[in-house]
Protein backbone atom coordinates (compact mmCIF):
# COMPACT_ATOMS: atom_id res chain seq x y z
CA MET A 1 22.54 -210.19 -97.69
CA SER A 2 21.71 -211.02 -93.96
CA GLN A 3 24.35 -208.60 -93.03
CA LYS A 4 22.31 -205.81 -94.74
CA LYS A 5 19.17 -207.06 -92.92
CA VAL A 6 21.25 -207.01 -89.55
CA ASP A 7 22.34 -203.32 -90.21
CA ALA A 8 18.86 -202.17 -91.21
CA TYR A 9 17.26 -203.89 -88.15
CA LYS A 10 19.95 -202.05 -85.67
CA SER A 11 19.18 -198.77 -87.39
CA ARG A 12 15.48 -199.24 -87.10
CA LYS A 13 16.04 -200.25 -83.41
CA GLY A 14 17.58 -196.96 -82.56
CA GLN A 15 15.34 -194.78 -84.46
CA ARG A 16 12.29 -196.75 -82.61
CA ASN A 17 13.75 -195.46 -79.11
CA LYS A 18 13.62 -191.93 -80.22
CA ALA A 19 9.93 -192.10 -81.84
CA ASP A 20 8.82 -193.79 -78.48
CA ARG A 21 9.96 -191.09 -76.47
CA LYS A 22 8.42 -188.61 -79.09
CA GLU A 23 5.06 -190.40 -78.71
CA LYS A 24 5.15 -190.70 -74.99
CA VAL A 25 5.77 -186.84 -74.42
CA LEU A 26 3.12 -186.05 -77.14
CA PHE A 27 0.78 -188.28 -75.21
CA GLY A 28 1.42 -186.81 -71.97
CA LEU A 29 1.02 -183.23 -73.26
CA GLU A 30 -2.40 -184.50 -74.88
CA MET A 31 -3.43 -185.67 -71.64
CA PHE A 32 -2.48 -182.39 -69.90
CA ALA A 33 -4.39 -180.42 -72.23
CA TRP A 34 -7.59 -182.70 -71.92
CA ALA A 35 -7.35 -182.27 -68.03
CA PHE A 36 -6.73 -178.60 -68.55
CA ILE A 37 -9.92 -178.22 -70.90
CA CYS A 38 -12.05 -180.46 -68.38
CA VAL A 39 -10.95 -178.19 -65.30
CA VAL A 40 -11.88 -174.83 -67.13
CA ILE A 41 -15.49 -176.45 -68.18
CA VAL A 42 -16.12 -177.18 -64.62
CA ALA A 43 -14.80 -174.04 -63.16
CA TRP A 44 -16.99 -172.33 -65.98
CA ILE A 45 -20.19 -174.15 -64.84
CA GLY A 46 -19.48 -173.63 -61.22
CA TYR A 47 -18.97 -169.68 -61.66
CA SER A 48 -22.02 -169.66 -63.68
CA ALA A 49 -24.23 -171.29 -61.18
CA TYR A 50 -22.61 -169.14 -58.42
CA VAL A 51 -23.34 -165.88 -60.28
CA LYS A 52 -26.82 -167.06 -61.10
CA VAL A 53 -27.56 -167.69 -57.41
CA THR A 54 -26.07 -164.72 -55.85
CA GLY A 55 -26.92 -162.40 -58.55
CA ALA A 56 -30.66 -162.98 -57.94
CA LYS A 57 -30.08 -162.06 -54.16
CA ALA A 58 -28.00 -159.11 -55.01
CA ASP A 59 -30.77 -157.62 -57.28
CA VAL A 60 -33.30 -157.48 -54.60
CA VAL A 61 -32.72 -154.07 -52.70
CA GLN A 62 -35.29 -152.74 -50.29
CA ASN A 63 -35.08 -149.59 -48.78
CA THR A 64 -36.88 -148.60 -45.46
CA VAL A 65 -37.54 -145.03 -44.75
CA MET A 66 -38.51 -144.57 -40.89
CA ASP A 67 -38.98 -141.38 -38.77
CA THR A 68 -36.98 -141.89 -35.55
CA THR A 69 -37.36 -138.41 -34.08
CA ALA A 70 -39.98 -139.90 -31.63
CA LEU A 71 -37.68 -142.57 -30.49
CA ASP A 72 -34.63 -140.19 -30.37
CA ASN A 73 -36.56 -137.82 -28.14
CA TYR A 74 -37.60 -140.72 -25.91
CA ILE A 75 -34.15 -141.70 -25.48
CA SER A 76 -32.90 -138.19 -24.92
CA ASN A 77 -35.62 -137.89 -22.28
CA LEU A 78 -34.60 -140.98 -20.76
CA SER A 79 -30.91 -139.93 -20.61
CA ALA A 80 -31.90 -136.50 -19.29
CA ASN A 81 -34.24 -137.97 -16.68
CA THR A 82 -31.35 -140.21 -15.33
CA SER A 83 -28.96 -137.54 -15.22
CA ASP A 84 -31.06 -135.11 -13.63
CA ASP A 85 -32.11 -137.51 -11.04
CA ALA A 86 -28.48 -137.84 -10.14
CA ASP A 87 -28.34 -133.91 -9.98
CA GLY A 88 -31.81 -133.31 -8.42
CA ALA A 89 -32.98 -130.85 -10.95
CA ASP A 90 -35.94 -132.94 -12.21
CA THR A 91 -38.60 -129.93 -12.13
CA ASP A 92 -37.00 -128.06 -15.01
CA THR A 93 -37.13 -131.13 -17.72
CA ASP A 94 -40.55 -131.98 -16.72
CA ALA A 95 -41.90 -128.24 -17.40
CA ALA A 96 -40.01 -128.33 -20.66
CA ASP A 97 -41.42 -131.57 -21.54
CA LYS A 98 -44.90 -130.34 -20.67
CA ALA A 99 -44.68 -127.34 -22.79
CA GLU A 100 -43.44 -129.21 -25.68
CA VAL A 101 -46.30 -131.74 -25.73
CA GLU A 102 -48.64 -128.66 -25.30
CA ASP A 103 -46.94 -127.05 -28.50
CA ASN A 104 -47.31 -130.31 -30.34
CA THR A 105 -50.96 -130.30 -29.42
CA ALA A 106 -51.78 -126.85 -30.27
CA THR A 107 -50.05 -127.41 -33.69
CA ALA A 108 -51.99 -130.65 -34.46
CA ASP A 109 -55.17 -128.91 -33.41
CA ASP A 110 -54.58 -125.94 -35.65
CA LYS A 111 -53.93 -128.36 -38.50
CA GLU A 112 -57.32 -130.02 -37.83
CA THR A 113 -59.28 -126.64 -37.79
CA SER A 114 -57.64 -125.71 -40.76
CA ASP A 115 -58.41 -129.08 -42.63
CA ASP A 116 -62.08 -128.76 -41.09
CA ALA A 117 -62.49 -125.14 -42.37
CA SER A 118 -61.52 -126.12 -45.97
CA ALA A 119 -63.81 -129.04 -45.96
CA GLU A 120 -66.54 -126.92 -44.92
CA THR A 121 -65.69 -124.09 -47.58
CA THR A 122 -65.75 -127.11 -50.12
CA ASP A 123 -69.06 -128.42 -48.73
CA ASP A 124 -70.82 -124.84 -48.91
CA ALA A 125 -69.81 -124.29 -52.40
CA ALA A 126 -70.92 -127.69 -53.62
CA THR A 127 -74.48 -126.96 -51.73
CA ALA A 128 -74.39 -123.52 -53.37
CA ASP A 129 -73.75 -125.21 -57.02
CA ALA A 130 -76.59 -127.59 -56.11
CA ASP A 131 -79.12 -125.08 -55.25
CA SER A 132 -78.14 -122.80 -58.30
CA THR A 133 -78.73 -125.86 -60.47
CA ASP A 134 -81.88 -126.57 -58.93
CA ALA A 135 -83.30 -122.98 -59.18
CA LYS A 136 -82.88 -123.24 -63.09
């Protein structure tokens, strides 16, 4: 009987080495899987926070419309004046600038006059309606 016990012990000892190796490999894979899951969770939280922070800033869009014709004219006049000073033909641009200013003033005066005329017509009509109501 003792020989049977020795043979059984030796067979279990050989199988134990294979089982230990298999257990170590499975434990390593399990630890890798847990580490991968943790990295994915941390990355997901970081990405969500990043999207939340940058998404709020990206949604705010502000459009500004500005008429820059006056600035463009001013800059072109400055560049024209500096080039004319070098050429000595400053009188032509001054006369053109004065004519342009007079045209703009005349246009503005025409608009004010037409606005005043329409306002007077409206006031006259309202007065006539009030007079006719009083007469009744």
